[in-house]
Amino acid sequence: MFGPVNSILSLIFWLLSIAAFVMCAWALIHALRIPTRAFPAAGKQTKPLWLIILGFATLFTFSGAVGYFGGGMPNLFTIIAVIAAGIYLADVKPAVNEYRGGGGSQGPYGPW
């Protein structure tokens, strides 16, 4: 009786799991590219701590996205992982972007 509705909901949750994985991977890749000294200079936690947090977040969301064709709801670790990546992207990323290395030429609208 609930077959099509259940399959549609499973597809929606699987797509949300894929989006959560992409968000965590994006945060992890950004953290890897930022210099270590930028984190304390911006008044944030250290780079190794953020790499550990985002590494586990990416791992948990990847396992949730891969195992999602079996059905089920996102677990607590996946929800915590998305929150951690959201905090990084909303708070830490804008702060450490100011300290990004490069030292290239400055154009009228910023670095080249």
PDB file of N, CA and C in Angstrom:
ATOM      1  N   MET A   1       0.817  -1.193   0.000  1.00  0.00           N
ATOM      2  CA  MET A   1       0.000   0.000   0.000  1.00  0.00           C
ATOM      3  C   MET A   1       0.862   1.260   0.000  1.00  0.00           C
ATOM      4  N   PHE A   2       1.961   1.274   0.774  1.00  0.00           N
ATOM      5  CA  PHE A   2       2.809   2.464   0.858  1.00  0.00           C
ATOM      6  C   PHE A   2       4.080   2.318   0.021  1.00  0.00           C
ATOM      7  N   GLY A   3       4.131   1.399  -0.903  1.00  0.00           N
ATOM      8  CA  GLY A   3       5.330   1.130  -1.694  1.00  0.00           C
ATOM      9  C   GLY A   3       5.867   2.333  -2.442  1.00  0.00           C
ATOM     10  N   PRO A   4       5.061   2.984  -3.320  1.00  0.00           N
ATOM     11  CA  PRO A   4       5.601   4.121  -4.078  1.00  0.00           C
ATOM     12  C   PRO A   4       5.989   5.300  -3.199  1.00  0.00           C
ATOM     13  N   VAL A   5       5.204   5.553  -2.151  1.00  0.00           N
ATOM     14  CA  VAL A   5       5.528   6.666  -1.255  1.00  0.00           C
ATOM     15  C   VAL A   5       6.834   6.383  -0.525  1.00  0.00           C
ATOM     16  N   ASN A   6       7.011   5.157  -0.088  1.00  0.00           N
ATOM     17  CA  ASN A   6       8.239   4.781   0.609  1.00  0.00           C
ATOM     18  C   ASN A   6       9.442   4.888  -0.313  1.00  0.00           C
ATOM     19  N   SER A   7       9.310   4.498  -1.564  1.00  0.00           N
ATOM     20  CA  SER A   7      10.445   4.592  -2.478  1.00  0.00           C
ATOM     21  C   SER A   7      10.770   6.046  -2.815  1.00  0.00           C
ATOM     22  N   ILE A   8       9.765   6.895  -2.902  1.00  0.00           N
ATOM     23  CA  ILE A   8      10.019   8.317  -3.155  1.00  0.00           C
ATOM     24  C   ILE A   8      10.723   8.948  -1.964  1.00  0.00           C
ATOM     25  N   LEU A   9      10.268   8.613  -0.760  1.00  0.00           N
ATOM     26  CA  LEU A   9      10.930   9.145   0.437  1.00  0.00           C
ATOM     27  C   LEU A   9      12.360   8.634   0.557  1.00  0.00           C
ATOM     28  N   SER A  10      12.576   7.365   0.227  1.00  0.00           N
ATOM     29  CA  SER A  10      13.934   6.821   0.258  1.00  0.00           C
ATOM     30  C   SER A  10      14.826   7.553  -0.731  1.00  0.00           C
ATOM     31  N   LEU A  11      14.303   7.858  -1.908  1.00  0.00           N
ATOM     32  CA  LEU A  11      15.076   8.605  -2.897  1.00  0.00           C
ATOM     33  C   LEU A  11      15.404  10.011  -2.398  1.00  0.00           C
ATOM     34  N   ILE A  12      14.435  10.661  -1.784  1.00  0.00           N
ATOM     35  CA  ILE A  12      14.666  12.013  -1.246  1.00  0.00           C
ATOM     36  C   ILE A  12      15.738  11.982  -0.166  1.00  0.00           C
ATOM     37  N   PHE A  13      15.654  11.022   0.761  1.00  0.00           N
ATOM     38  CA  PHE A  13      16.662  10.935   1.815  1.00  0.00           C
ATOM     39  C   PHE A  13      18.029  10.561   1.252  1.00  0.00           C
ATOM     40  N   TRP A  14      18.065   9.747   0.208  1.00  0.00           N
ATOM     41  CA  TRP A  14      19.342   9.416  -0.408  1.00  0.00           C
ATOM     42  C   TRP A  14      19.958  10.648  -1.058  1.00  0.00           C
ATOM     43  N   LEU A  15      19.140  11.449  -1.744  1.00  0.00           N
ATOM     44  CA  LEU A  15      19.642  12.682  -2.354  1.00  0.00           C
ATOM     45  C   LEU A  15      20.135  13.665  -1.293  1.00  0.00           C
ATOM     46  N   LEU A  16      19.430  13.728  -0.169  1.00  0.00           N
ATOM     47  CA  LEU A  16      19.903  14.576   0.930  1.00  0.00           C
ATOM     48  C   LEU A  16      21.218  14.061   1.490  1.00  0.00           C
ATOM     49  N   SER A  17      21.395  12.756   1.539  1.00  0.00           N
ATOM     50  CA  SER A  17      22.659  12.178   2.008  1.00  0.00           C
ATOM     51  C   SER A  17      23.803  12.515   1.062  1.00  0.00           C
ATOM     52  N   ILE A  18      23.530  12.488  -0.239  1.00  0.00           N
ATOM     53  CA  ILE A  18      24.549  12.868  -1.222  1.00  0.00           C
ATOM     54  C   ILE A  18      24.917  14.347  -1.046  1.00  0.00           C
ATOM     55  N   ALA A  19      23.905  15.198  -0.846  1.00  0.00           N
ATOM     56  CA  ALA A  19      24.167  16.627  -0.642  1.00  0.00           C
ATOM     57  C   ALA A  19      24.981  16.859   0.627  1.00  0.00           C
ATOM     58  N   ALA A  20      24.687  16.107   1.682  1.00  0.00           N
ATOM     59  CA  ALA A  20      25.446  16.236   2.933  1.00  0.00           C
ATOM     60  C   ALA A  20      26.896  15.816   2.728  1.00  0.00           C
ATOM     61  N   PHE A  21      27.114  14.747   1.967  1.00  0.00           N
ATOM     62  CA  PHE A  21      28.483  14.309   1.683  1.00  0.00           C
ATOM     63  C   PHE A  21      29.244  15.365   0.893  1.00  0.00           C
ATOM     64  N   VAL A  22      28.609  15.941  -0.112  1.00  0.00           N
ATOM     65  CA  VAL A  22      29.260  16.973  -0.931  1.00  0.00           C
ATOM     66  C   VAL A  22      29.617  18.183  -0.070  1.00  0.00           C
ATOM     67  N   MET A  23      28.714  18.571   0.828  1.00  0.00           N
ATOM     68  CA  MET A  23      28.977  19.717   1.696  1.00  0.00           C
ATOM     69  C   MET A  23      30.164  19.438   2.618  1.00  0.00           C
ATOM     70  N   CYS A  24      30.218  18.250   3.214  1.00  0.00           N
ATOM     71  CA  CYS A  24      31.325  17.917   4.110  1.00  0.00           C
ATOM     72  C   CYS A  24      32.638  17.807   3.347  1.00  0.00           C
ATOM     73  N   ALA A  25      32.599  17.222   2.159  1.00  0.00           N
ATOM     74  CA  ALA A  25      33.820  17.108   1.358  1.00  0.00           C
ATOM     75  C   ALA A  25      34.323  18.491   0.934  1.00  0.00           C
ATOM     76  N   TRP A  26      33.396  19.385   0.579  1.00  0.00           N
ATOM     77  CA  TRP A  26      33.778  20.755   0.207  1.00  0.00           C
ATOM     78  C   TRP A  26      34.457  21.458   1.379  1.00  0.00           C
ATOM     79  N   ALA A  27      33.903  21.303   2.581  1.00  0.00           N
ATOM     80  CA  ALA A  27      34.503  21.922   3.769  1.00  0.00           C
ATOM     81  C   ALA A  27      35.885  21.336   4.047  1.00  0.00           C
ATOM     82  N   LEU A  28      36.030  20.017   3.907  1.00  0.00           N
ATOM     83  CA  LEU A  28      37.322  19.374   4.153  1.00  0.00           C
ATOM     84  C   LEU A  28      38.366  19.833   3.138  1.00  0.00           C
ATOM     85  N   ILE A  29      38.002  19.902   1.875  1.00  0.00           N
ATOM     86  CA  ILE A  29      38.944  20.351   0.845  1.00  0.00           C
ATOM     87  C   ILE A  29      39.353  21.807   1.091  1.00  0.00           C
ATOM     88  N   HIS A  30      38.404  22.635   1.493  1.00  0.00           N
ATOM     89  CA  HIS A  30      38.741  24.031   1.790  1.00  0.00           C
ATOM     90  C   HIS A  30      39.715  24.111   2.958  1.00  0.00           C
ATOM     91  N   ALA A  31      39.458  23.336   4.014  1.00  0.00           N
ATOM     92  CA  ALA A  31      40.336  23.358   5.190  1.00  0.00           C
ATOM     93  C   ALA A  31      41.738  22.874   4.840  1.00  0.00           C
ATOM     94  N   LEU A  32      41.854  21.926   3.929  1.00  0.00           N
ATOM     95  CA  LEU A  32      43.169  21.445   3.519  1.00  0.00           C
ATOM     96  C   LEU A  32      43.966  22.515   2.770  1.00  0.00           C
ATOM     97  N   ARG A  33      43.279  23.391   2.060  1.00  0.00           N
ATOM     98  CA  ARG A  33      43.954  24.390   1.230  1.00  0.00           C
ATOM     99  C   ARG A  33      44.357  25.654   1.978  1.00  0.00           C
ATOM    100  N   ILE A  34      43.828  25.850   3.171  1.00  0.00           N
ATOM    101  CA  ILE A  34      44.118  27.062   3.935  1.00  0.00           C
ATOM    102  C   ILE A  34      45.400  26.858   4.755  1.00  0.00           C
ATOM    103  N   PRO A  35      46.272  27.859   4.825  1.00  0.00           N
ATOM    104  CA  PRO A  35      47.496  27.731   5.624  1.00  0.00           C
ATOM    105  C   PRO A  35      47.192  27.516   7.109  1.00  0.00           C
ATOM    106  N   THR A  36      48.064  26.792   7.777  1.00  0.00           N
ATOM    107  CA  THR A  36      47.870  26.447   9.187  1.00  0.00           C
ATOM    108  C   THR A  36      47.807  27.690  10.061  1.00  0.00           C
ATOM    109  N   ARG A  37      48.604  28.676   9.761  1.00  0.00           N
ATOM    110  CA  ARG A  37      48.657  29.881  10.592  1.00  0.00           C
ATOM    111  C   ARG A  37      47.404  30.732  10.487  1.00  0.00           C
ATOM    112  N   ALA A  38      46.577  30.504   9.475  1.00  0.00           N
ATOM    113  CA  ALA A  38      45.373  31.319   9.285  1.00  0.00           C
ATOM    114  C   ALA A  38      44.320  31.053  10.353  1.00  0.00           C
ATOM    115  N   PHE A  39      44.268  29.844  10.875  1.00  0.00           N
ATOM    116  CA  PHE A  39      43.226  29.502  11.844  1.00  0.00           C
ATOM    117  C   PHE A  39      43.397  30.243  13.168  1.00  0.00           C
ATOM    118  N   PRO A  40      44.588  30.166  13.813  1.00  0.00           N
ATOM    119  CA  PRO A  40      44.735  30.948  15.049  1.00  0.00           C
ATOM    120  C   PRO A  40      44.722  32.456  14.797  1.00  0.00           C
ATOM    121  N   ALA A  41      45.193  32.882  13.637  1.00  0.00           N
ATOM    122  CA  ALA A  41      45.186  34.313  13.329  1.00  0.00           C
ATOM    123  C   ALA A  41      43.761  34.843  13.221  1.00  0.00           C
ATOM    124  N   ALA A  42      42.845  33.992  12.792  1.00  0.00           N
ATOM    125  CA  ALA A  42      41.436  34.382  12.676  1.00  0.00           C
ATOM    126  C   ALA A  42      40.673  34.153  13.977  1.00  0.00           C
ATOM    127  N   GLY A  43      41.364  33.620  14.985  1.00  0.00           N
ATOM    128  CA  GLY A  43      40.714  33.382  16.275  1.00  0.00           C
ATOM    129  C   GLY A  43      39.858  32.123  16.290  1.00  0.00           C
ATOM    130  N   LYS A  44      40.192  31.154  15.455  1.00  0.00           N
ATOM    131  CA  LYS A  44      39.436  29.904  15.362  1.00  0.00           C
ATOM    132  C   LYS A  44      40.263  28.748  15.913  1.00  0.00           C
ATOM    133  N   GLN A  45      39.645  27.585  16.010  1.00  0.00           N
ATOM    134  CA  GLN A  45      40.365  26.393  16.451  1.00  0.00           C
ATOM    135  C   GLN A  45      41.472  26.069  15.445  1.00  0.00           C
ATOM    136  N   THR A  46      42.375  25.184  15.829  1.00  0.00           N
ATOM    137  CA  THR A  46      43.530  24.886  14.987  1.00  0.00           C
ATOM    138  C   THR A  46      43.129  24.088  13.747  1.00  0.00           C
ATOM    139  N   LYS A  47      43.986  24.137  12.756  1.00  0.00           N
ATOM    140  CA  LYS A  47      43.739  23.418  11.512  1.00  0.00           C
ATOM    141  C   LYS A  47      43.672  21.908  11.735  1.00  0.00           C
ATOM    142  N   PRO A  48      44.595  21.298  12.504  1.00  0.00           N
ATOM    143  CA  PRO A  48      44.489  19.845  12.696  1.00  0.00           C
ATOM    144  C   PRO A  48      43.155  19.421  13.338  1.00  0.00           C
ATOM    145  N   LEU A  49      42.658  20.217  14.267  1.00  0.00           N
ATOM    146  CA  LEU A  49      41.375  19.871  14.891  1.00  0.00           C
ATOM    147  C   LEU A  49      40.249  19.929  13.864  1.00  0.00           C
ATOM    148  N   TRP A  50      40.231  20.962  13.026  1.00  0.00           N
ATOM    149  CA  TRP A  50      39.193  21.057  12.000  1.00  0.00           C
ATOM    150  C   TRP A  50      39.333  19.957  10.972  1.00  0.00           C
ATOM    151  N   LEU A  51      40.555  19.560  10.643  1.00  0.00           N
ATOM    152  CA  LEU A  51      40.734  18.461   9.698  1.00  0.00           C
ATOM    153  C   LEU A  51      40.214  17.146  10.270  1.00  0.00           C
ATOM    154  N   ILE A  52      40.407  16.923  11.555  1.00  0.00           N
ATOM    155  CA  ILE A  52      39.877  15.709  12.192  1.00  0.00           C
ATOM    156  C   ILE A  52      38.353  15.736  12.188  1.00  0.00           C
ATOM    157  N   ILE A  53      37.780  16.858  12.599  1.00  0.00           N
ATOM    158  CA  ILE A  53      36.320  16.976  12.651  1.00  0.00           C
ATOM    159  C   ILE A  53      35.719  16.794  11.263  1.00  0.00           C
ATOM    160  N   LEU A  54      36.258  17.491  10.280  1.00  0.00           N
ATOM    161  CA  LEU A  54      35.709  17.417   8.927  1.00  0.00           C
ATOM    162  C   LEU A  54      36.013  16.087   8.256  1.00  0.00           C
ATOM    163  N   GLY A  55      37.124  15.470   8.611  1.00  0.00           N
ATOM    164  CA  GLY A  55      37.426  14.134   8.078  1.00  0.00           C
ATOM    165  C   GLY A  55      36.405  13.109   8.552  1.00  0.00           C
ATOM    166  N   PHE A  56      36.103  13.121   9.844  1.00  0.00           N
ATOM    167  CA  PHE A  56      35.075  12.215  10.361  1.00  0.00           C
ATOM    168  C   PHE A  56      33.699  12.565   9.801  1.00  0.00           C
ATOM    169  N   ALA A  57      33.423  13.853   9.648  1.00  0.00           N
ATOM    170  CA  ALA A  57      32.131  14.259   9.079  1.00  0.00           C
ATOM    171  C   ALA A  57      31.985  13.736   7.655  1.00  0.00           C
ATOM    172  N   THR A  58      33.038  13.841   6.866  1.00  0.00           N
ATOM    173  CA  THR A  58      32.998  13.334   5.499  1.00  0.00           C
ATOM    174  C   THR A  58      32.848  11.811   5.488  1.00  0.00           C
ATOM    175  N   LEU A  59      33.533  11.139   6.383  1.00  0.00           N
ATOM    176  CA  LEU A  59      33.432   9.682   6.479  1.00  0.00           C
ATOM    177  C   LEU A  59      32.007   9.249   6.838  1.00  0.00           C
ATOM    178  N   PHE A  60      31.412   9.888   7.822  1.00  0.00           N
ATOM    179  CA  PHE A  60      30.060   9.521   8.241  1.00  0.00           C
ATOM    180  C   PHE A  60      29.038   9.803   7.154  1.00  0.00           C
ATOM    181  N   THR A  61      29.153  10.942   6.484  1.00  0.00           N
ATOM    182  CA  THR A  61      28.183  11.245   5.440  1.00  0.00           C
ATOM    183  C   THR A  61      28.396  10.366   4.209  1.00  0.00           C
ATOM    184  N   PHE A  62      29.642   9.983   3.932  1.00  0.00           N
ATOM    185  CA  PHE A  62      29.894   9.069   2.823  1.00  0.00           C
ATOM    186  C   PHE A  62      29.276   7.707   3.106  1.00  0.00           C
ATOM    187  N   SER A  63      29.470   7.218   4.312  1.00  0.00           N
ATOM    188  CA  SER A  63      28.890   5.910   4.650  1.00  0.00           C
ATOM    189  C   SER A  63      27.366   5.965   4.620  1.00  0.00           C
ATOM    190  N   GLY A  64      26.790   7.102   4.994  1.00  0.00           N
ATOM    191  CA  GLY A  64      25.346   7.246   4.917  1.00  0.00           C
ATOM    192  C   GLY A  64      24.850   7.307   3.494  1.00  0.00           C
ATOM    193  N   ALA A  65      25.604   7.958   2.613  1.00  0.00           N
ATOM    194  CA  ALA A  65      25.180   8.081   1.211  1.00  0.00           C
ATOM    195  C   ALA A  65      25.340   6.762   0.466  1.00  0.00           C
ATOM    196  N   VAL A  66      26.410   6.025   0.754  1.00  0.00           N
ATOM    197  CA  VAL A  66      26.645   4.764   0.062  1.00  0.00           C
ATOM    198  C   VAL A  66      25.647   3.704   0.518  1.00  0.00           C
ATOM    199  N   GLY A  67      25.355   3.674   1.800  1.00  0.00           N
ATOM    200  CA  GLY A  67      24.473   2.645   2.322  1.00  0.00           C
ATOM    201  C   GLY A  67      23.009   3.011   2.268  1.00  0.00           C
ATOM    202  N   TYR A  68      22.692   4.047   1.516  1.00  0.00           N
ATOM    203  CA  TYR A  68      21.319   4.535   1.563  1.00  0.00           C
ATOM    204  C   TYR A  68      20.341   3.775   0.713  1.00  0.00           C
ATOM    205  N   PHE A  69      20.798   2.985  -0.247  1.00  0.00           N
ATOM    206  CA  PHE A  69      19.824   2.241  -1.026  1.00  0.00           C
ATOM    207  C   PHE A  69      19.171   1.161  -0.189  1.00  0.00           C
ATOM    208  N   GLY A  70      19.733   0.850   0.965  1.00  0.00           N
ATOM    209  CA  GLY A  70      19.103  -0.088   1.883  1.00  0.00           C
ATOM    210  C   GLY A  70      17.913   0.528   2.597  1.00  0.00           C
ATOM    211  N   GLY A  71      17.766   1.828   2.554  1.00  0.00           N
ATOM    212  CA  GLY A  71      16.646   2.516   3.195  1.00  0.00           C
ATOM    213  C   GLY A  71      17.014   2.946   4.601  1.00  0.00           C
ATOM    214  N   GLY A  72      16.136   3.673   5.242  1.00  0.00           N
ATOM    215  CA  GLY A  72      16.369   4.107   6.605  1.00  0.00           C
ATOM    216  C   GLY A  72      16.553   5.607   6.694  1.00  0.00           C
ATOM    217  N   MET A  73      16.549   6.080   7.890  1.00  0.00           N
ATOM    218  CA  MET A  73      16.701   7.505   8.158  1.00  0.00           C
ATOM    219  C   MET A  73      18.170   7.817   8.435  1.00  0.00           C
ATOM    220  N   PRO A  74      18.558   9.071   8.264  1.00  0.00           N
ATOM    221  CA  PRO A  74      19.924   9.458   8.635  1.00  0.00           C
ATOM    222  C   PRO A  74      20.128   9.248  10.134  1.00  0.00           C
ATOM    223  N   ASN A  75      21.301   8.760  10.501  1.00  0.00           N
ATOM    224  CA  ASN A  75      21.553   8.529  11.919  1.00  0.00           C
ATOM    225  C   ASN A  75      22.084   9.790  12.600  1.00  0.00           C
ATOM    226  N   LEU A  76      22.275   9.697  13.890  1.00  0.00           N
ATOM    227  CA  LEU A  76      22.696  10.850  14.684  1.00  0.00           C
ATOM    228  C   LEU A  76      24.065  11.367  14.252  1.00  0.00           C
ATOM    229  N   PHE A  77      24.976  10.454  13.888  1.00  0.00           N
ATOM    230  CA  PHE A  77      26.312  10.875  13.472  1.00  0.00           C
ATOM    231  C   PHE A  77      26.265  11.688  12.177  1.00  0.00           C
ATOM    232  N   THR A  78      25.380  11.330  11.276  1.00  0.00           N
ATOM    233  CA  THR A  78      25.240  12.082  10.030  1.00  0.00           C
ATOM    234  C   THR A  78      24.724  13.492  10.301  1.00  0.00           C
ATOM    235  N   ILE A  79      23.773  13.598  11.197  1.00  0.00           N
ATOM    236  CA  ILE A  79      23.224  14.910  11.538  1.00  0.00           C
ATOM    237  C   ILE A  79      24.287  15.782  12.201  1.00  0.00           C
ATOM    238  N   ILE A  80      25.059  15.208  13.121  1.00  0.00           N
ATOM    239  CA  ILE A  80      26.142  15.946  13.776  1.00  0.00           C
ATOM    240  C   ILE A  80      27.211  16.352  12.756  1.00  0.00           C
ATOM    241  N   ALA A  81      27.493  15.474  11.788  1.00  0.00           N
ATOM    242  CA  ALA A  81      28.486  15.782  10.758  1.00  0.00           C
ATOM    243  C   ALA A  81      28.051  16.965   9.909  1.00  0.00           C
ATOM    244  N   VAL A  82      26.783  17.012   9.545  1.00  0.00           N
ATOM    245  CA  VAL A  82      26.276  18.127   8.747  1.00  0.00           C
ATOM    246  C   VAL A  82      26.331  19.427   9.544  1.00  0.00           C
ATOM    247  N   ILE A  83      26.023  19.355  10.822  1.00  0.00           N
ATOM    248  CA  ILE A  83      26.103  20.550  11.678  1.00  0.00           C
ATOM    249  C   ILE A  83      27.545  21.046  11.761  1.00  0.00           C
ATOM    250  N   ALA A  84      28.502  20.129  11.940  1.00  0.00           N
ATOM    251  CA  ALA A  84      29.916  20.523  12.025  1.00  0.00           C
ATOM    252  C   ALA A  84      30.388  21.175  10.729  1.00  0.00           C
ATOM    253  N   ALA A  85      30.039  20.581   9.591  1.00  0.00           N
ATOM    254  CA  ALA A  85      30.435  21.170   8.312  1.00  0.00           C
ATOM    255  C   ALA A  85      29.747  22.513   8.097  1.00  0.00           C
ATOM    256  N   GLY A  86      28.512  22.632   8.538  1.00  0.00           N
ATOM    257  CA  GLY A  86      27.803  23.906   8.423  1.00  0.00           C
ATOM    258  C   GLY A  86      28.457  24.991   9.252  1.00  0.00           C
ATOM    259  N   ILE A  87      28.892  24.646  10.457  1.00  0.00           N
ATOM    260  CA  ILE A  87      29.597  25.615  11.306  1.00  0.00           C
ATOM    261  C   ILE A  87      30.897  26.047  10.633  1.00  0.00           C
ATOM    262  N   TYR A  88      31.622  25.084  10.077  1.00  0.00           N
ATOM    263  CA  TYR A  88      32.874  25.439   9.405  1.00  0.00           C
ATOM    264  C   TYR A  88      32.608  26.383   8.231  1.00  0.00           C
ATOM    265  N   LEU A  89      31.643  26.017   7.389  1.00  0.00           N
ATOM    266  CA  LEU A  89      31.395  26.817   6.187  1.00  0.00           C
ATOM    267  C   LEU A  89      30.804  28.191   6.504  1.00  0.00           C
ATOM    268  N   ALA A  90      30.019  28.292   7.567  1.00  0.00           N
ATOM    269  CA  ALA A  90      29.374  29.568   7.878  1.00  0.00           C
ATOM    270  C   ALA A  90      30.228  30.481   8.749  1.00  0.00           C
ATOM    271  N   ASP A  91      31.079  29.908   9.600  1.00  0.00           N
ATOM    272  CA  ASP A  91      31.823  30.722  10.559  1.00  0.00           C
ATOM    273  C   ASP A  91      33.326  30.739  10.280  1.00  0.00           C
ATOM    274  N   VAL A  92      33.920  29.574  10.138  1.00  0.00           N
ATOM    275  CA  VAL A  92      35.373  29.494  10.032  1.00  0.00           C
ATOM    276  C   VAL A  92      35.855  29.883   8.636  1.00  0.00           C
ATOM    277  N   LYS A  93      35.206  29.385   7.600  1.00  0.00           N
ATOM    278  CA  LYS A  93      35.643  29.651   6.228  1.00  0.00           C
ATOM    279  C   LYS A  93      35.733  31.140   5.911  1.00  0.00           C
ATOM    280  N   PRO A  94      34.706  31.951   6.212  1.00  0.00           N
ATOM    281  CA  PRO A  94      34.851  33.386   5.913  1.00  0.00           C
ATOM    282  C   PRO A  94      35.980  34.049   6.704  1.00  0.00           C
ATOM    283  N   ALA A  95      36.213  33.586   7.932  1.00  0.00           N
ATOM    284  CA  ALA A  95      37.251  34.203   8.761  1.00  0.00           C
ATOM    285  C   ALA A  95      38.651  33.869   8.247  1.00  0.00           C
ATOM    286  N   VAL A  96      38.883  32.620   7.850  1.00  0.00           N
ATOM    287  CA  VAL A  96      40.233  32.239   7.422  1.00  0.00           C
ATOM    288  C   VAL A  96      40.506  32.604   5.967  1.00  0.00           C
ATOM    289  N   ASN A  97      39.478  32.888   5.192  1.00  0.00           N
ATOM    290  CA  ASN A  97      39.704  33.300   3.798  1.00  0.00           C
ATOM    291  C   ASN A  97      40.493  34.593   3.712  1.00  0.00           C
ATOM    292  N   GLU A  98      40.388  35.440   4.717  1.00  0.00           N
ATOM    293  CA  GLU A  98      41.133  36.698   4.723  1.00  0.00           C
ATOM    294  C   GLU A  98      42.634  36.468   4.830  1.00  0.00           C
ATOM    295  N   TYR A  99      43.035  35.316   5.390  1.00  0.00           N
ATOM    296  CA  TYR A  99      44.449  35.032   5.619  1.00  0.00           C
ATOM    297  C   TYR A  99      45.009  34.071   4.583  1.00  0.00           C
ATOM    298  N   ARG A 100      44.267  33.828   3.529  1.00  0.00           N
ATOM    299  CA  ARG A 100      44.708  32.895   2.508  1.00  0.00           C
ATOM    300  C   ARG A 100      45.971  33.416   1.843  1.00  0.00           C
ATOM    301  N   GLY A 101      46.914  32.521   1.640  1.00  0.00           N
ATOM    302  CA  GLY A 101      48.176  32.919   1.011  1.00  0.00           C
ATOM    303  C   GLY A 101      47.986  33.242  -0.453  1.00  0.00           C
ATOM    304  N   GLY A 102      48.993  33.637  -1.090  1.00  0.00           N
ATOM    305  CA  GLY A 102      48.926  33.934  -2.516  1.00  0.00           C
ATOM    306  C   GLY A 102      49.918  35.022  -2.856  1.00  0.00           C
ATOM    307  N   GLY A 103      49.708  36.197  -2.296  1.00  0.00           N
ATOM    308  CA  GLY A 103      50.640  37.283  -2.491  1.00  0.00           C
ATOM    309  C   GLY A 103      50.818  37.685  -3.943  1.00  0.00           C
ATOM    310  N   GLY A 104      49.845  37.349  -4.795  1.00  0.00           N
ATOM    311  CA  GLY A 104      49.947  37.707  -6.205  1.00  0.00           C
ATOM    312  C   GLY A 104      49.676  39.167  -6.421  1.00  0.00           C
ATOM    313  N   SER A 105      49.536  39.517  -7.670  1.00  0.00           N
ATOM    314  CA  SER A 105      49.265  40.903  -8.026  1.00  0.00           C
ATOM    315  C   SER A 105      47.881  41.317  -7.557  1.00  0.00           C
ATOM    316  N   GLN A 106      47.771  42.550  -7.179  1.00  0.00           N
ATOM    317  CA  GLN A 106      46.475  43.092  -6.769  1.00  0.00           C
ATOM    318  C   GLN A 106      45.887  43.857  -7.933  1.00  0.00           C
ATOM    319  N   GLY A 107      44.709  43.440  -8.341  1.00  0.00           N
ATOM    320  CA  GLY A 107      43.991  44.166  -9.388  1.00  0.00           C
ATOM    321  C   GLY A 107      43.017  45.135  -8.758  1.00  0.00           C
ATOM    322  N   PRO A 108      42.226  45.811  -9.547  1.00  0.00           N
ATOM    323  CA  PRO A 108      41.285  46.793  -9.005  1.00  0.00           C
ATOM    324  C   PRO A 108      40.187  46.155  -8.154  1.00  0.00           C
ATOM    325  N   TYR A 109      39.943  44.844  -8.348  1.00  0.00           N
ATOM    326  CA  TYR A 109      38.869  44.168  -7.600  1.00  0.00           C
ATOM    327  C   TYR A 109      39.403  43.077  -6.695  1.00  0.00           C
ATOM    328  N   GLY A 110      40.667  43.066  -6.385  1.00  0.00           N
ATOM    329  CA  GLY A 110      41.254  42.069  -5.506  1.00  0.00           C
ATOM    330  C   GLY A 110      42.402  41.355  -6.180  1.00  0.00           C
ATOM    331  N   PRO A 111      42.872  40.268  -5.561  1.00  0.00           N
ATOM    332  CA  PRO A 111      44.022  39.550  -6.121  1.00  0.00           C
ATOM    333  C   PRO A 111      43.691  38.843  -7.428  1.00  0.00           C
ATOM    334  N   TRP A 112      44.677  38.667  -8.270  1.00  0.00           N
ATOM    335  CA  TRP A 112      44.462  38.022  -9.552  1.00  0.00           C
ATOM    336  C   TRP A 112      44.466  36.558  -9.377  1.00  0.00           C
TER     337      TRP A 112
END
